[in-house]
Amino acid sequence: MQLLTPVTLTVDNTELTLTRLDPVLIDDSAHKLVVARLHPALRPLFLWRGEDYDDIGNWTQEQAEAEITAQLGDDPQTALQALVFNG
C-alpha cells in the first residue's frame, strides 16, 4: 500500500525512509482479532478485535488498508515510529 508521503523512521539508530507499506495481515478467529504487521515495526497494529471483529465479518484487503490508514491518522510517521522497537 502506497503512503501519501514518505515516512522516515529511526530503527536501531538508523534512518529508514518508507514510501509504501506491505502489511502482513493476521486473522485470529479464536481470539477474535485481526492485526497488521508493518515492517520494520515489531509491534503489531490491531485492526479489529472483540465486538469490532464480529462486526467486520469477512473483511477485505481494501478494508484492512483503509483501517491501517485511518489508524495512522494525520501523522503516520509518529504512529509508525511508536510501533518500532528501538531496544
PDB file of N, CA and C in Angstrom:
ATOM      1  N   MET A   1       0.844  -1.165   0.000  1.00  0.00           N
ATOM      2  CA  MET A   1       0.000   0.000   0.000  1.00  0.00           C
ATOM      3  C   MET A   1       0.892   1.231   0.000  1.00  0.00           C
ATOM      4  N   GLN A   2       0.613   2.131  -0.886  1.00  0.00           N
ATOM      5  CA  GLN A   2       1.412   3.329  -1.065  1.00  0.00           C
ATOM      6  C   GLN A   2       1.114   4.336   0.040  1.00  0.00           C
ATOM      7  N   LEU A   3       2.158   4.958   0.576  1.00  0.00           N
ATOM      8  CA  LEU A   3       1.989   6.039   1.542  1.00  0.00           C
ATOM      9  C   LEU A   3       1.813   7.343   0.775  1.00  0.00           C
ATOM     10  N   LEU A   4       0.974   8.229   1.284  1.00  0.00           N
ATOM     11  CA  LEU A   4       0.743   9.508   0.596  1.00  0.00           C
ATOM     12  C   LEU A   4       2.005  10.363   0.563  1.00  0.00           C
ATOM     13  N   THR A   5       2.779  10.305   1.633  1.00  0.00           N
ATOM     14  CA  THR A   5       4.062  10.995   1.686  1.00  0.00           C
ATOM     15  C   THR A   5       5.080  10.042   2.303  1.00  0.00           C
ATOM     16  N   PRO A   6       6.348  10.155   1.912  1.00  0.00           N
ATOM     17  CA  PRO A   6       7.365   9.291   2.507  1.00  0.00           C
ATOM     18  C   PRO A   6       7.454   9.497   4.021  1.00  0.00           C
ATOM     19  N   VAL A   7       7.791   8.423   4.727  1.00  0.00           N
ATOM     20  CA  VAL A   7       7.919   8.425   6.177  1.00  0.00           C
ATOM     21  C   VAL A   7       9.336   7.987   6.515  1.00  0.00           C
ATOM     22  N   THR A   8      10.002   8.749   7.376  1.00  0.00           N
ATOM     23  CA  THR A   8      11.348   8.381   7.817  1.00  0.00           C
ATOM     24  C   THR A   8      11.272   7.923   9.262  1.00  0.00           C
ATOM     25  N   LEU A   9      11.709   6.682   9.492  1.00  0.00           N
ATOM     26  CA  LEU A   9      11.700   6.090  10.817  1.00  0.00           C
ATOM     27  C   LEU A   9      13.127   5.873  11.285  1.00  0.00           C
ATOM     28  N   THR A  10      13.316   5.934  12.591  1.00  0.00           N
ATOM     29  CA  THR A  10      14.608   5.593  13.172  1.00  0.00           C
ATOM     30  C   THR A  10      14.507   4.186  13.728  1.00  0.00           C
ATOM     31  N   VAL A  11      15.317   3.296  13.172  1.00  0.00           N
ATOM     32  CA  VAL A  11      15.325   1.892  13.571  1.00  0.00           C
ATOM     33  C   VAL A  11      16.749   1.548  13.985  1.00  0.00           C
ATOM     34  N   ASP A  12      16.937   1.266  15.266  1.00  0.00           N
ATOM     35  CA  ASP A  12      18.274   0.937  15.788  1.00  0.00           C
ATOM     36  C   ASP A  12      19.308   1.978  15.358  1.00  0.00           C
ATOM     37  N   ASN A  13      18.971   3.246  15.581  1.00  0.00           N
ATOM     38  CA  ASN A  13      19.851   4.390  15.288  1.00  0.00           C
ATOM     39  C   ASN A  13      20.153   4.577  13.807  1.00  0.00           C
ATOM     40  N   THR A  14      19.354   3.971  12.948  1.00  0.00           N
ATOM     41  CA  THR A  14      19.494   4.135  11.504  1.00  0.00           C
ATOM     42  C   THR A  14      18.194   4.681  10.952  1.00  0.00           C
ATOM     43  N   GLU A  15      18.296   5.697  10.087  1.00  0.00           N
ATOM     44  CA  GLU A  15      17.092   6.240   9.467  1.00  0.00           C
ATOM     45  C   GLU A  15      16.711   5.402   8.256  1.00  0.00           C
ATOM     46  N   LEU A  16      15.432   5.107   8.159  1.00  0.00           N
ATOM     47  CA  LEU A  16      14.881   4.305   7.075  1.00  0.00           C
ATOM     48  C   LEU A  16      13.679   5.051   6.510  1.00  0.00           C
ATOM     49  N   THR A  17      13.686   5.339   5.224  1.00  0.00           N
ATOM     50  CA  THR A  17      12.579   6.052   4.595  1.00  0.00           C
ATOM     51  C   THR A  17      11.694   5.067   3.843  1.00  0.00           C
ATOM     52  N   LEU A  18      10.410   5.123   4.162  1.00  0.00           N
ATOM     53  CA  LEU A  18       9.424   4.245   3.533  1.00  0.00           C
ATOM     54  C   LEU A  18       8.513   5.048   2.616  1.00  0.00           C
ATOM     55  N   THR A  19       8.228   4.496   1.451  1.00  0.00           N
ATOM     56  CA  THR A  19       7.253   5.105   0.552  1.00  0.00           C
ATOM     57  C   THR A  19       6.005   4.243   0.426  1.00  0.00           C
ATOM     58  N   ARG A  20       6.114   3.013   0.952  1.00  0.00           N
ATOM     59  CA  ARG A  20       4.977   2.105   0.915  1.00  0.00           C
ATOM     60  C   ARG A  20       5.054   1.151   2.104  1.00  0.00           C
ATOM     61  N   LEU A  21       3.921   0.569   2.427  1.00  0.00           N
ATOM     62  CA  LEU A  21       3.838  -0.450   3.460  1.00  0.00           C
ATOM     63  C   LEU A  21       3.337  -1.728   2.812  1.00  0.00           C
ATOM     64  N   ASP A  22       3.885  -2.840   3.210  1.00  0.00           N
ATOM     65  CA  ASP A  22       3.415  -4.134   2.744  1.00  0.00           C
ATOM     66  C   ASP A  22       2.933  -4.902   3.973  1.00  0.00           C
ATOM     67  N   PRO A  23       1.712  -4.610   4.421  1.00  0.00           N
ATOM     68  CA  PRO A  23       1.235  -5.218   5.670  1.00  0.00           C
ATOM     69  C   PRO A  23       1.039  -6.723   5.544  1.00  0.00           C
ATOM     70  N   VAL A  24       1.421  -7.424   6.595  1.00  0.00           N
ATOM     71  CA  VAL A  24       1.102  -8.836   6.743  1.00  0.00           C
ATOM     72  C   VAL A  24      -0.083  -8.879   7.688  1.00  0.00           C
ATOM     73  N   LEU A  25      -1.202  -9.374   7.200  1.00  0.00           N
ATOM     74  CA  LEU A  25      -2.444  -9.379   7.972  1.00  0.00           C
ATOM     75  C   LEU A  25      -2.656 -10.748   8.603  1.00  0.00           C
ATOM     76  N   ILE A  26      -2.972 -10.735   9.884  1.00  0.00           N
ATOM     77  CA  ILE A  26      -3.176 -11.979  10.630  1.00  0.00           C
ATOM     78  C   ILE A  26      -4.579 -11.949  11.228  1.00  0.00           C
ATOM     79  N   ASP A  27      -5.392 -12.931  10.851  1.00  0.00           N
ATOM     80  CA  ASP A  27      -6.760 -13.063  11.349  1.00  0.00           C
ATOM     81  C   ASP A  27      -6.792 -14.239  12.317  1.00  0.00           C
ATOM     82  N   ASP A  28      -6.999 -13.940  13.583  1.00  0.00           N
ATOM     83  CA  ASP A  28      -7.023 -14.960  14.634  1.00  0.00           C
ATOM     84  C   ASP A  28      -8.458 -15.084  15.134  1.00  0.00           C
ATOM     85  N   SER A  29      -9.223 -15.975  14.516  1.00  0.00           N
ATOM     86  CA  SER A  29     -10.642 -16.112  14.862  1.00  0.00           C
ATOM     87  C   SER A  29     -10.837 -16.648  16.276  1.00  0.00           C
ATOM     88  N   ALA A  30      -9.905 -17.448  16.766  1.00  0.00           N
ATOM     89  CA  ALA A  30     -10.026 -17.992  18.120  1.00  0.00           C
ATOM     90  C   ALA A  30      -9.999 -16.880  19.174  1.00  0.00           C
ATOM     91  N   HIS A  31      -9.245 -15.821  18.894  1.00  0.00           N
ATOM     92  CA  HIS A  31      -9.151 -14.700  19.835  1.00  0.00           C
ATOM     93  C   HIS A  31      -9.906 -13.467  19.338  1.00  0.00           C
ATOM     94  N   LYS A  32     -10.618 -13.610  18.223  1.00  0.00           N
ATOM     95  CA  LYS A  32     -11.400 -12.531  17.624  1.00  0.00           C
ATOM     96  C   LYS A  32     -10.570 -11.260  17.444  1.00  0.00           C
ATOM     97  N   LEU A  33      -9.512 -11.380  16.627  1.00  0.00           N
ATOM     98  CA  LEU A  33      -8.720 -10.191  16.340  1.00  0.00           C
ATOM     99  C   LEU A  33      -8.037 -10.297  14.987  1.00  0.00           C
ATOM    100  N   VAL A  34      -7.824  -9.128  14.394  1.00  0.00           N
ATOM    101  CA  VAL A  34      -7.059  -9.005  13.158  1.00  0.00           C
ATOM    102  C   VAL A  34      -5.969  -7.984  13.442  1.00  0.00           C
ATOM    103  N   VAL A  35      -4.722  -8.377  13.171  1.00  0.00           N
ATOM    104  CA  VAL A  35      -3.591  -7.475  13.351  1.00  0.00           C
ATOM    105  C   VAL A  35      -2.838  -7.324  12.043  1.00  0.00           C
ATOM    106  N   ALA A  36      -2.148  -6.196  11.932  1.00  0.00           N
ATOM    107  CA  ALA A  36      -1.287  -5.943  10.777  1.00  0.00           C
ATOM    108  C   ALA A  36       0.136  -5.823  11.279  1.00  0.00           C
ATOM    109  N   ARG A  37       1.042  -6.553  10.637  1.00  0.00           N
ATOM    110  CA  ARG A  37       2.474  -6.406  10.898  1.00  0.00           C
ATOM    111  C   ARG A  37       3.007  -5.478   9.806  1.00  0.00           C
ATOM    112  N   LEU A  38       3.628  -4.386  10.216  1.00  0.00           N
ATOM    113  CA  LEU A  38       4.107  -3.373   9.282  1.00  0.00           C
ATOM    114  C   LEU A  38       5.624  -3.248   9.408  1.00  0.00           C
ATOM    115  N   HIS A  39       6.351  -3.947   8.561  1.00  0.00           N
ATOM    116  CA  HIS A  39       7.814  -3.921   8.606  1.00  0.00           C
ATOM    117  C   HIS A  39       8.296  -2.486   8.405  1.00  0.00           C
ATOM    118  N   PRO A  40       9.215  -1.978   9.190  1.00  0.00           N
ATOM    119  CA  PRO A  40      10.091  -2.633  10.143  1.00  0.00           C
ATOM    120  C   PRO A  40       9.557  -2.625  11.581  1.00  0.00           C
ATOM    121  N   ALA A  41       8.324  -2.235  11.777  1.00  0.00           N
ATOM    122  CA  ALA A  41       7.758  -2.191  13.128  1.00  0.00           C
ATOM    123  C   ALA A  41       7.643  -3.597  13.702  1.00  0.00           C
ATOM    124  N   LEU A  42       8.036  -3.759  14.941  1.00  0.00           N
ATOM    125  CA  LEU A  42       7.927  -5.056  15.595  1.00  0.00           C
ATOM    126  C   LEU A  42       6.602  -5.205  16.333  1.00  0.00           C
ATOM    127  N   ARG A  43       6.035  -4.092  16.745  1.00  0.00           N
ATOM    128  CA  ARG A  43       4.747  -4.146  17.437  1.00  0.00           C
ATOM    129  C   ARG A  43       3.638  -4.192  16.398  1.00  0.00           C
ATOM    130  N   PRO A  44       2.622  -5.020  16.615  1.00  0.00           N
ATOM    131  CA  PRO A  44       1.526  -5.111  15.646  1.00  0.00           C
ATOM    132  C   PRO A  44       0.562  -3.939  15.787  1.00  0.00           C
ATOM    133  N   LEU A  45      -0.157  -3.690  14.734  1.00  0.00           N
ATOM    134  CA  LEU A  45      -1.242  -2.703  14.738  1.00  0.00           C
ATOM    135  C   LEU A  45      -2.541  -3.502  14.784  1.00  0.00           C
ATOM    136  N   PHE A  46      -3.307  -3.346  15.853  1.00  0.00           N
ATOM    137  CA  PHE A  46      -4.572  -4.070  15.995  1.00  0.00           C
ATOM    138  C   PHE A  46      -5.630  -3.380  15.156  1.00  0.00           C
ATOM    139  N   LEU A  47      -6.182  -4.104  14.177  1.00  0.00           N
ATOM    140  CA  LEU A  47      -7.203  -3.520  13.307  1.00  0.00           C
ATOM    141  C   LEU A  47      -8.600  -3.698  13.890  1.00  0.00           C
ATOM    142  N   TRP A  48      -8.938  -4.925  14.226  1.00  0.00           N
ATOM    143  CA  TRP A  48     -10.254  -5.207  14.807  1.00  0.00           C
ATOM    144  C   TRP A  48     -10.105  -6.279  15.867  1.00  0.00           C
ATOM    145  N   ARG A  49     -10.857  -6.128  16.956  1.00  0.00           N
ATOM    146  CA  ARG A  49     -10.876  -7.172  17.983  1.00  0.00           C
ATOM    147  C   ARG A  49     -12.204  -7.141  18.713  1.00  0.00           C
ATOM    148  N   GLY A  50     -12.534  -8.296  19.303  1.00  0.00           N
ATOM    149  CA  GLY A  50     -13.774  -8.402  20.077  1.00  0.00           C
ATOM    150  C   GLY A  50     -15.011  -8.124  19.239  1.00  0.00           C
ATOM    151  N   GLU A  51     -15.820  -7.205  19.707  1.00  0.00           N
ATOM    152  CA  GLU A  51     -17.069  -6.859  19.028  1.00  0.00           C
ATOM    153  C   GLU A  51     -16.808  -6.276  17.639  1.00  0.00           C
ATOM    154  N   ASP A  52     -15.744  -5.481  17.506  1.00  0.00           N
ATOM    155  CA  ASP A  52     -15.393  -4.927  16.190  1.00  0.00           C
ATOM    156  C   ASP A  52     -15.048  -6.043  15.208  1.00  0.00           C
ATOM    157  N   TYR A  53     -14.416  -7.100  15.703  1.00  0.00           N
ATOM    158  CA  TYR A  53     -14.098  -8.266  14.872  1.00  0.00           C
ATOM    159  C   TYR A  53     -15.391  -8.911  14.376  1.00  0.00           C
ATOM    160  N   ASP A  54     -16.346  -9.068  15.282  1.00  0.00           N
ATOM    161  CA  ASP A  54     -17.641  -9.643  14.890  1.00  0.00           C
ATOM    162  C   ASP A  54     -18.339  -8.763  13.867  1.00  0.00           C
ATOM    163  N   ASP A  55     -18.281  -7.440  14.083  1.00  0.00           N
ATOM    164  CA  ASP A  55     -18.973  -6.501  13.195  1.00  0.00           C
ATOM    165  C   ASP A  55     -18.380  -6.472  11.793  1.00  0.00           C
ATOM    166  N   ILE A  56     -17.049  -6.606  11.664  1.00  0.00           N
ATOM    167  CA  ILE A  56     -16.421  -6.513  10.346  1.00  0.00           C
ATOM    168  C   ILE A  56     -16.682  -7.769   9.512  1.00  0.00           C
ATOM    169  N   GLY A  57     -16.858  -8.898  10.151  1.00  0.00           N
ATOM    170  CA  GLY A  57     -17.148 -10.132   9.406  1.00  0.00           C
ATOM    171  C   GLY A  57     -16.031 -10.506   8.458  1.00  0.00           C
ATOM    172  N   ASN A  58     -16.387 -10.856   7.241  1.00  0.00           N
ATOM    173  CA  ASN A  58     -15.404 -11.247   6.216  1.00  0.00           C
ATOM    174  C   ASN A  58     -14.798  -9.994   5.597  1.00  0.00           C
ATOM    175  N   TRP A  59     -13.769  -9.484   6.213  1.00  0.00           N
ATOM    176  CA  TRP A  59     -13.126  -8.253   5.784  1.00  0.00           C
ATOM    177  C   TRP A  59     -12.331  -8.481   4.500  1.00  0.00           C
ATOM    178  N   THR A  60     -12.056  -7.392   3.795  1.00  0.00           N
ATOM    179  CA  THR A  60     -11.274  -7.448   2.556  1.00  0.00           C
ATOM    180  C   THR A  60      -9.936  -6.745   2.757  1.00  0.00           C
ATOM    181  N   GLN A  61      -9.027  -6.955   1.838  1.00  0.00           N
ATOM    182  CA  GLN A  61      -7.735  -6.268   1.845  1.00  0.00           C
ATOM    183  C   GLN A  61      -7.950  -4.757   1.838  1.00  0.00           C
ATOM    184  N   GLU A  62      -8.901  -4.295   1.042  1.00  0.00           N
ATOM    185  CA  GLU A  62      -9.165  -2.865   0.947  1.00  0.00           C
ATOM    186  C   GLU A  62      -9.655  -2.309   2.286  1.00  0.00           C
ATOM    187  N   GLN A  63     -10.505  -3.058   2.988  1.00  0.00           N
ATOM    188  CA  GLN A  63     -10.971  -2.618   4.302  1.00  0.00           C
ATOM    189  C   GLN A  63      -9.813  -2.566   5.293  1.00  0.00           C
ATOM    190  N   ALA A  64      -8.932  -3.555   5.235  1.00  0.00           N
ATOM    191  CA  ALA A  64      -7.783  -3.578   6.136  1.00  0.00           C
ATOM    192  C   ALA A  64      -6.864  -2.387   5.861  1.00  0.00           C
ATOM    193  N   GLU A  65      -6.590  -2.109   4.598  1.00  0.00           N
ATOM    194  CA  GLU A  65      -5.733  -0.979   4.257  1.00  0.00           C
ATOM    195  C   GLU A  65      -6.376   0.342   4.661  1.00  0.00           C
ATOM    196  N   ALA A  66      -7.690   0.453   4.509  1.00  0.00           N
ATOM    197  CA  ALA A  66      -8.399   1.668   4.941  1.00  0.00           C
ATOM    198  C   ALA A  66      -8.296   1.833   6.454  1.00  0.00           C
ATOM    199  N   GLU A  67      -8.393   0.739   7.189  1.00  0.00           N
ATOM    200  CA  GLU A  67      -8.282   0.794   8.654  1.00  0.00           C
ATOM    201  C   GLU A  67      -6.860   1.165   9.072  1.00  0.00           C
ATOM    202  N   ILE A  68      -5.866   0.626   8.384  1.00  0.00           N
ATOM    203  CA  ILE A  68      -4.478   0.990   8.674  1.00  0.00           C
ATOM    204  C   ILE A  68      -4.281   2.485   8.455  1.00  0.00           C
ATOM    205  N   THR A  69      -4.745   2.985   7.321  1.00  0.00           N
ATOM    206  CA  THR A  69      -4.630   4.413   7.009  1.00  0.00           C
ATOM    207  C   THR A  69      -5.331   5.252   8.062  1.00  0.00           C
ATOM    208  N   ALA A  70      -6.523   4.833   8.474  1.00  0.00           N
ATOM    209  CA  ALA A  70      -7.273   5.577   9.494  1.00  0.00           C
ATOM    210  C   ALA A  70      -6.518   5.602  10.819  1.00  0.00           C
ATOM    211  N   GLN A  71      -5.950   4.465  11.214  1.00  0.00           N
ATOM    212  CA  GLN A  71      -5.241   4.411  12.489  1.00  0.00           C
ATOM    213  C   GLN A  71      -3.921   5.174  12.455  1.00  0.00           C
ATOM    214  N   LEU A  72      -3.281   5.243  11.301  1.00  0.00           N
ATOM    215  CA  LEU A  72      -2.047   6.019  11.203  1.00  0.00           C
ATOM    216  C   LEU A  72      -2.339   7.513  11.249  1.00  0.00           C
ATOM    217  N   GLY A  73      -3.563   7.888  10.871  1.00  0.00           N
ATOM    218  CA  GLY A  73      -4.031   9.263  11.019  1.00  0.00           C
ATOM    219  C   GLY A  73      -3.271  10.287  10.205  1.00  0.00           C
ATOM    220  N   ASP A  74      -3.291  11.522  10.714  1.00  0.00           N
ATOM    221  CA  ASP A  74      -2.670  12.646  10.015  1.00  0.00           C
ATOM    222  C   ASP A  74      -1.151  12.676  10.152  1.00  0.00           C
ATOM    223  N   ASP A  75      -0.616  11.883  11.058  1.00  0.00           N
ATOM    224  CA  ASP A  75       0.826  11.861  11.294  1.00  0.00           C
ATOM    225  C   ASP A  75       1.326  10.417  11.295  1.00  0.00           C
ATOM    226  N   PRO A  76       1.364   9.782  10.107  1.00  0.00           N
ATOM    227  CA  PRO A  76       1.767   8.375  10.048  1.00  0.00           C
ATOM    228  C   PRO A  76       3.188   8.139  10.539  1.00  0.00           C
ATOM    229  N   GLN A  77       4.061   9.128  10.406  1.00  0.00           N
ATOM    230  CA  GLN A  77       5.438   8.949  10.863  1.00  0.00           C
ATOM    231  C   GLN A  77       5.471   8.709  12.367  1.00  0.00           C
ATOM    232  N   THR A  78       4.761   9.512  13.135  1.00  0.00           N
ATOM    233  CA  THR A  78       4.732   9.351  14.588  1.00  0.00           C
ATOM    234  C   THR A  78       4.051   8.036  14.977  1.00  0.00           C
ATOM    235  N   ALA A  79       2.947   7.713  14.292  1.00  0.00           N
ATOM    236  CA  ALA A  79       2.223   6.472  14.603  1.00  0.00           C
ATOM    237  C   ALA A  79       3.080   5.242  14.312  1.00  0.00           C
ATOM    238  N   LEU A  80       3.777   5.239  13.181  1.00  0.00           N
ATOM    239  CA  LEU A  80       4.633   4.102  12.848  1.00  0.00           C
ATOM    240  C   LEU A  80       5.853   4.036  13.753  1.00  0.00           C
ATOM    241  N   GLN A  81       6.432   5.183  14.066  1.00  0.00           N
ATOM    242  CA  GLN A  81       7.615   5.182  14.946  1.00  0.00           C
ATOM    243  C   GLN A  81       7.253   4.577  16.302  1.00  0.00           C
ATOM    244  N   ALA A  82       6.029   4.806  16.771  1.00  0.00           N
ATOM    245  CA  ALA A  82       5.596   4.257  18.056  1.00  0.00           C
ATOM    246  C   ALA A  82       5.534   2.728  18.023  1.00  0.00           C
ATOM    247  N   LEU A  83       5.407   2.145  16.831  1.00  0.00           N
ATOM    248  CA  LEU A  83       5.351   0.683  16.696  1.00  0.00           C
ATOM    249  C   LEU A  83       6.730   0.052  16.539  1.00  0.00           C
ATOM    250  N   VAL A  84       7.750   0.887  16.324  1.00  0.00           N
ATOM    251  CA  VAL A  84       9.112   0.385  16.135  1.00  0.00           C
ATOM    252  C   VAL A  84       9.757   0.223  17.508  1.00  0.00           C
ATOM    253  N   PHE A  85      10.366  -0.916  17.718  1.00  0.00           N
ATOM    254  CA  PHE A  85      11.085  -1.169  18.974  1.00  0.00           C
ATOM    255  C   PHE A  85      12.537  -0.796  18.777  1.00  0.00           C
ATOM    256  N   ASN A  86      12.978   0.173  19.507  1.00  0.00           N
ATOM    257  CA  ASN A  86      14.383   0.580  19.458  1.00  0.00           C
ATOM    258  C   ASN A  86      15.044   0.226  20.777  1.00  0.00           C
ATOM    259  N   GLY A  87      15.441  -1.028  20.897  1.00  0.00           N
ATOM    260  CA  GLY A  87      15.975  -1.500  22.152  1.00  0.00           C
ATOM    261  C   GLY A  87      17.424  -1.354  22.235  1.00  0.00           C
TER     262      GLY A  87
END
